[in-house]
PDB file of N, CA and C in Angstrom:
ATOM      1  N   MET A   1      46.549 185.769 -13.545  1.00  0.00           N
ATOM      2  CA  MET A   1      45.218 185.036 -13.586  1.00  0.00           C
ATOM      3  C   MET A   1      44.305 186.338 -12.292  1.00  0.00           C
ATOM      4  N   THR A   2      43.708 187.138 -12.722  1.00  0.00           N
ATOM      5  CA  THR A   2      42.850 187.845 -11.491  1.00  0.00           C
ATOM      6  C   THR A   2      41.849 187.104 -10.643  1.00  0.00           C
ATOM      7  N   ARG A   3      41.655 186.963  -9.468  1.00  0.00           N
ATOM      8  CA  ARG A   3      40.823 186.499  -8.670  1.00  0.00           C
ATOM      9  C   ARG A   3      39.805 187.225  -8.274  1.00  0.00           C
ATOM     10  N   LYS A   4      38.787 187.081  -8.704  1.00  0.00           N
ATOM     11  CA  LYS A   4      37.534 188.088  -7.782  1.00  0.00           C
ATOM     12  C   LYS A   4      37.340 187.188  -6.618  1.00  0.00           C
ATOM     13  N   PHE A   5      37.362 188.422  -5.413  1.00  0.00           N
ATOM     14  CA  PHE A   5      37.481 188.491  -4.017  1.00  0.00           C
ATOM     15  C   PHE A   5      35.952 188.672  -3.718  1.00  0.00           C
ATOM     16  N   THR A   6      34.977 188.102  -3.073  1.00  0.00           N
ATOM     17  CA  THR A   6      34.020 188.551  -2.428  1.00  0.00           C
ATOM     18  C   THR A   6      33.427 188.273  -0.939  1.00  0.00           C
ATOM     19  N   ASP A   7      32.878 188.717  -0.147  1.00  0.00           N
ATOM     20  CA  ASP A   7      32.076 188.707   0.867  1.00  0.00           C
ATOM     21  C   ASP A   7      33.392 189.538   1.712  1.00  0.00           C
ATOM     22  N   TRP A   8      33.786 190.563   1.505  1.00  0.00           N
ATOM     23  CA  TRP A   8      34.552 191.106   2.357  1.00  0.00           C
ATOM     24  C   TRP A   8      34.364 191.549   3.386  1.00  0.00           C
ATOM     25  N   ARG A   9      34.667 191.572   4.942  1.00  0.00           N
ATOM     26  CA  ARG A   9      34.449 191.774   5.912  1.00  0.00           C
ATOM     27  C   ARG A   9      35.963 192.839   7.221  1.00  0.00           C
ATOM     28  N   VAL A  10      35.025 193.556   7.900  1.00  0.00           N
ATOM     29  CA  VAL A  10      36.103 193.958   8.286  1.00  0.00           C
ATOM     30  C   VAL A  10      36.421 193.032   9.486  1.00  0.00           C
ATOM     31  N   SER A  11      38.349 193.281   9.887  1.00  0.00           N
ATOM     32  CA  SER A  11      38.470 192.623  10.808  1.00  0.00           C
ATOM     33  C   SER A  11      38.158 192.811  12.081  1.00  0.00           C
ATOM     34  N   SER A  12      37.592 191.787  13.384  1.00  0.00           N
ATOM     35  CA  SER A  12      36.925 192.890  14.488  1.00  0.00           C
ATOM     36  C   SER A  12      38.174 193.281  15.685  1.00  0.00           C
ATOM     37  N   TYR A  13      39.478 193.036  14.947  1.00  0.00           N
ATOM     38  CA  TYR A  13      40.087 193.934  15.731  1.00  0.00           C
ATOM     39  C   TYR A  13      40.857 194.912  15.143  1.00  0.00           C
ATOM     40  N   SER A  14      40.282 195.805  13.676  1.00  0.00           N
ATOM     41  CA  SER A  14      40.050 196.750  13.441  1.00  0.00           C
ATOM     42  C   SER A  14      39.850 197.951  14.172  1.00  0.00           C
ATOM     43  N   GLU A  15      40.338 199.136  14.191  1.00  0.00           N
ATOM     44  CA  GLU A  15      40.189 200.445  14.983  1.00  0.00           C
ATOM     45  C   GLU A  15      38.742 201.195  14.500  1.00  0.00           C
ATOM     46  N   ALA A  16      38.440 201.664  15.426  1.00  0.00           N
ATOM     47  CA  ALA A  16      37.131 201.919  14.997  1.00  0.00           C
ATOM     48  C   ALA A  16      37.069 203.228  14.092  1.00  0.00           C
ATOM     49  N   GLY A  17      38.671 204.098  14.417  1.00  0.00           N
ATOM     50  CA  GLY A  17      38.849 205.538  13.448  1.00  0.00           C
ATOM     51  C   GLY A  17      38.950 205.695  12.271  1.00  0.00           C
ATOM     52  N   GLY A  18      38.688 204.137  11.297  1.00  0.00           N
ATOM     53  CA  GLY A  18      39.103 203.614  10.101  1.00  0.00           C
ATOM     54  C   GLY A  18      40.651 203.004   9.827  1.00  0.00           C
ATOM     55  N   ASN A  19      41.297 202.944  11.084  1.00  0.00           N
ATOM     56  CA  ASN A  19      41.721 201.915  10.574  1.00  0.00           C
ATOM     57  C   ASN A  19      41.538 200.240  10.499  1.00  0.00           C
ATOM     58  N   CYS A  20      41.427 200.242   9.529  1.00  0.00           N
ATOM     59  CA  CYS A  20      40.640 198.987   9.007  1.00  0.00           C
ATOM     60  C   CYS A  20      41.538 198.024   8.116  1.00  0.00           C
ATOM     61  N   VAL A  21      41.423 196.685   8.356  1.00  0.00           N
ATOM     62  CA  VAL A  21      42.321 195.182   7.304  1.00  0.00           C
ATOM     63  C   VAL A  21      40.142 194.804   7.122  1.00  0.00           C
ATOM     64  N   GLU A  22      40.598 194.552   5.914  1.00  0.00           N
ATOM     65  CA  GLU A  22      39.129 193.685   5.492  1.00  0.00           C
ATOM     66  C   GLU A  22      39.734 192.174   4.988  1.00  0.00           C
ATOM     67  N   VAL A  23      39.287 191.244   5.123  1.00  0.00           N
ATOM     68  CA  VAL A  23      39.399 189.967   4.961  1.00  0.00           C
ATOM     69  C   VAL A  23      38.193 189.250   4.053  1.00  0.00           C
ATOM     70  N   GLY A  24      38.428 189.105   2.487  1.00  0.00           N
ATOM     71  CA  GLY A  24      38.016 188.370   1.463  1.00  0.00           C
ATOM     72  C   GLY A  24      38.189 186.894   1.153  1.00  0.00           C
ATOM     73  N   CYS A  25      37.190 186.070   0.815  1.00  0.00           N
ATOM     74  CA  CYS A  25      37.550 185.074  -0.346  1.00  0.00           C
ATOM     75  C   CYS A  25      37.278 184.902  -1.502  1.00  0.00           C
ATOM     76  N   SER A  26      38.272 184.268  -2.109  1.00  0.00           N
ATOM     77  CA  SER A  26      37.998 184.163  -3.887  1.00  0.00           C
ATOM     78  C   SER A  26      37.091 182.980  -4.337  1.00  0.00           C
ATOM     79  N   THR A  27      36.704 182.521  -5.538  1.00  0.00           N
ATOM     80  CA  THR A  27      36.233 181.435  -5.769  1.00  0.00           C
ATOM     81  C   THR A  27      37.276 180.322  -5.746  1.00  0.00           C
ATOM     82  N   SER A  28      38.325 180.563  -6.060  1.00  0.00           N
ATOM     83  CA  SER A  28      39.800 179.755  -5.898  1.00  0.00           C
ATOM     84  C   SER A  28      39.900 179.401  -4.748  1.00  0.00           C
ATOM     85  N   ASP A  29      39.389 179.651  -3.530  1.00  0.00           N
ATOM     86  CA  ASP A  29      39.318 179.382  -2.353  1.00  0.00           C
ATOM     87  C   ASP A  29      40.715 179.851  -1.991  1.00  0.00           C
ATOM     88  N   THR A  30      41.413 181.177  -2.495  1.00  0.00           N
ATOM     89  CA  THR A  30      42.230 181.821  -1.765  1.00  0.00           C
ATOM     90  C   THR A  30      42.234 183.120  -0.568  1.00  0.00           C
ATOM     91  N   ILE A  31      42.602 183.145   0.017  1.00  0.00           N
ATOM     92  CA  ILE A  31      42.495 184.206   1.128  1.00  0.00           C
ATOM     93  C   ILE A  31      43.038 185.893   0.786  1.00  0.00           C
ATOM     94  N   GLY A  32      42.235 186.757   0.470  1.00  0.00           N
ATOM     95  CA  GLY A  32      42.730 187.755  -0.042  1.00  0.00           C
ATOM     96  C   GLY A  32      42.393 188.741   1.619  1.00  0.00           C
ATOM     97  N   ILE A  33      43.689 190.332   1.561  1.00  0.00           N
ATOM     98  CA  ILE A  33      43.362 190.895   2.552  1.00  0.00           C
ATOM     99  C   ILE A  33      44.071 192.160   1.644  1.00  0.00           C
ATOM    100  N   ARG A  34      43.203 193.363   2.067  1.00  0.00           N
ATOM    101  CA  ARG A  34      42.944 194.579   1.726  1.00  0.00           C
ATOM    102  C   ARG A  34      43.055 195.958   3.059  1.00  0.00           C
ATOM    103  N   ASP A  35      43.258 196.541   2.907  1.00  0.00           N
ATOM    104  CA  ASP A  35      43.336 198.050   3.506  1.00  0.00           C
ATOM    105  C   ASP A  35      41.948 198.777   2.900  1.00  0.00           C
ATOM    106  N   SER A  36      41.173 198.692   4.253  1.00  0.00           N
ATOM    107  CA  SER A  36      39.812 199.428   3.873  1.00  0.00           C
ATOM    108  C   SER A  36      39.810 200.886   3.513  1.00  0.00           C
ATOM    109  N   LYS A  37      40.856 201.888   3.346  1.00  0.00           N
ATOM    110  CA  LYS A  37      40.630 202.901   3.272  1.00  0.00           C
ATOM    111  C   LYS A  37      40.678 203.011   1.892  1.00  0.00           C
ATOM    112  N   MET A  38      41.301 202.146   1.247  1.00  0.00           N
ATOM    113  CA  MET A  38      41.902 202.489  -0.151  1.00  0.00           C
ATOM    114  C   MET A  38      40.274 202.235  -0.907  1.00  0.00           C
ATOM    115  N   HIS A  39      39.379 201.801  -0.391  1.00  0.00           N
ATOM    116  CA  HIS A  39      38.134 201.551  -1.131  1.00  0.00           C
ATOM    117  C   HIS A  39      38.094 200.844  -2.112  1.00  0.00           C
ATOM    118  N   GLY A  40      38.666 199.564  -2.081  1.00  0.00           N
ATOM    119  CA  GLY A  40      38.800 198.600  -3.001  1.00  0.00           C
ATOM    120  C   GLY A  40      39.618 198.730  -3.960  1.00  0.00           C
ATOM    121  N   LYS A  41      40.238 200.096  -4.082  1.00  0.00           N
ATOM    122  CA  LYS A  41      41.061 199.612  -5.418  1.00  0.00           C
ATOM    123  C   LYS A  41      43.020 200.228  -5.290  1.00  0.00           C
ATOM    124  N   GLY A  42      43.019 199.447  -3.719  1.00  0.00           N
ATOM    125  CA  GLY A  42      44.435 199.281  -3.862  1.00  0.00           C
ATOM    126  C   GLY A  42      44.724 197.931  -3.504  1.00  0.00           C
ATOM    127  N   PRO A  43      46.337 197.323  -3.507  1.00  0.00           N
ATOM    128  CA  PRO A  43      46.636 195.969  -3.116  1.00  0.00           C
ATOM    129  C   PRO A  43      46.130 195.199  -2.351  1.00  0.00           C
ATOM    130  N   ILE A  44      45.914 193.845  -2.711  1.00  0.00           N
ATOM    131  CA  ILE A  44      45.491 192.849  -1.901  1.00  0.00           C
ATOM    132  C   ILE A  44      46.549 191.757  -1.646  1.00  0.00           C
ATOM    133  N   LEU A  45      46.442 191.611  -0.726  1.00  0.00           N
ATOM    134  CA  LEU A  45      47.664 190.151  -0.238  1.00  0.00           C
ATOM    135  C   LEU A  45      46.970 188.796  -0.763  1.00  0.00           C
ATOM    136  N   LYS A  46      47.705 188.138  -0.996  1.00  0.00           N
ATOM    137  CA  LYS A  46      46.760 186.727  -1.278  1.00  0.00           C
ATOM    138  C   LYS A  46      47.285 185.553  -0.331  1.00  0.00           C
ATOM    139  N   PHE A  47      46.513 185.175  -0.029  1.00  0.00           N
ATOM    140  CA  PHE A  47      47.140 183.731   0.623  1.00  0.00           C
ATOM    141  C   PHE A  47      46.300 182.492   0.416  1.00  0.00           C
ATOM    142  N   THR A  48      47.282 181.381  -0.001  1.00  0.00           N
ATOM    143  CA  THR A  48      46.373 179.994   0.319  1.00  0.00           C
ATOM    144  C   THR A  48      46.088 179.787   1.311  1.00  0.00           C
ATOM    145  N   ARG A  49      45.077 178.534   1.375  1.00  0.00           N
ATOM    146  CA  ARG A  49      44.437 178.546   2.684  1.00  0.00           C
ATOM    147  C   ARG A  49      45.269 178.001   4.096  1.00  0.00           C
ATOM    148  N   THR A  50      45.796 177.695   3.576  1.00  0.00           N
ATOM    149  CA  THR A  50      47.379 176.858   4.156  1.00  0.00           C
ATOM    150  C   THR A  50      47.965 177.830   4.738  1.00  0.00           C
ATOM    151  N   GLU A  51      48.925 178.955   3.935  1.00  0.00           N
ATOM    152  CA  GLU A  51      49.465 179.819   4.128  1.00  0.00           C
ATOM    153  C   GLU A  51      48.496 180.718   5.412  1.00  0.00           C
ATOM    154  N   TRP A  52      47.093 181.082   5.221  1.00  0.00           N
ATOM    155  CA  TRP A  52      46.471 181.721   6.078  1.00  0.00           C
ATOM    156  C   TRP A  52      46.704 181.366   7.000  1.00  0.00           C
ATOM    157  N   ILE A  53      46.263 179.963   7.166  1.00  0.00           N
ATOM    158  CA  ILE A  53      46.274 179.318   8.827  1.00  0.00           C
ATOM    159  C   ILE A  53      47.626 179.568   9.471  1.00  0.00           C
ATOM    160  N   ALA A  54      48.695 179.197   8.660  1.00  0.00           N
ATOM    161  CA  ALA A  54      50.116 179.588   9.238  1.00  0.00           C
ATOM    162  C   ALA A  54      49.544 180.683   9.895  1.00  0.00           C
ATOM    163  N   PHE A  55      49.489 181.999   8.599  1.00  0.00           N
ATOM    164  CA  PHE A  55      49.616 183.518   9.340  1.00  0.00           C
ATOM    165  C   PHE A  55      48.733 183.710  10.439  1.00  0.00           C
ATOM    166  N   LEU A  56      47.729 183.103  10.768  1.00  0.00           N
ATOM    167  CA  LEU A  56      46.970 183.241  11.726  1.00  0.00           C
ATOM    168  C   LEU A  56      47.582 182.377  13.135  1.00  0.00           C
ATOM    169  N   GLU A  57      48.120 181.414  12.692  1.00  0.00           N
ATOM    170  CA  GLU A  57      48.661 180.800  13.640  1.00  0.00           C
ATOM    171  C   GLU A  57      50.017 181.554  14.451  1.00  0.00           C
ATOM    172  N   SER A  58      50.594 182.064  13.646  1.00  0.00           N
ATOM    173  CA  SER A  58      51.981 182.725  13.860  1.00  0.00           C
ATOM    174  C   SER A  58      51.355 183.850  14.656  1.00  0.00           C
ATOM    175  N   ILE A  59      50.472 184.752  14.409  1.00  0.00           N
ATOM    176  CA  ILE A  59      50.245 185.649  15.324  1.00  0.00           C
ATOM    177  C   ILE A  59      49.002 186.167  16.286  1.00  0.00           C
ATOM    178  N   ARG A  60      48.902 184.767  16.172  1.00  0.00           N
ATOM    179  CA  ARG A  60      48.042 183.880  17.681  1.00  0.00           C
ATOM    180  C   ARG A  60      49.340 183.852  18.758  1.00  0.00           C
ATOM    181  N   SER A  61      50.532 183.364  18.253  1.00  0.00           N
ATOM    182  CA  SER A  61      51.119 182.844  19.213  1.00  0.00           C
ATOM    183  C   SER A  61      51.934 183.863  19.241  1.00  0.00           C
ATOM    184  N   SER A  62      52.265 185.076  18.812  1.00  0.00           N
ATOM    185  CA  SER A  62      52.920 186.106  19.560  1.00  0.00           C
ATOM    186  C   SER A  62      52.825 186.824  20.884  1.00  0.00           C
TER     187      SER A  62
END
């Protein structure tokens, strides 16, 4: 099933030169991450809310 992601926003940690990661949410409460250079046509990494929290905690503790 394809989930529709909305409210894409650029990460505050992205570089000004175009190396950006965008984060969006789906109607089924899934978090998506994509590369902004692909202009919405590239792959989307999908996380459940629990996976997303674990991912953020792991990179914050690095």
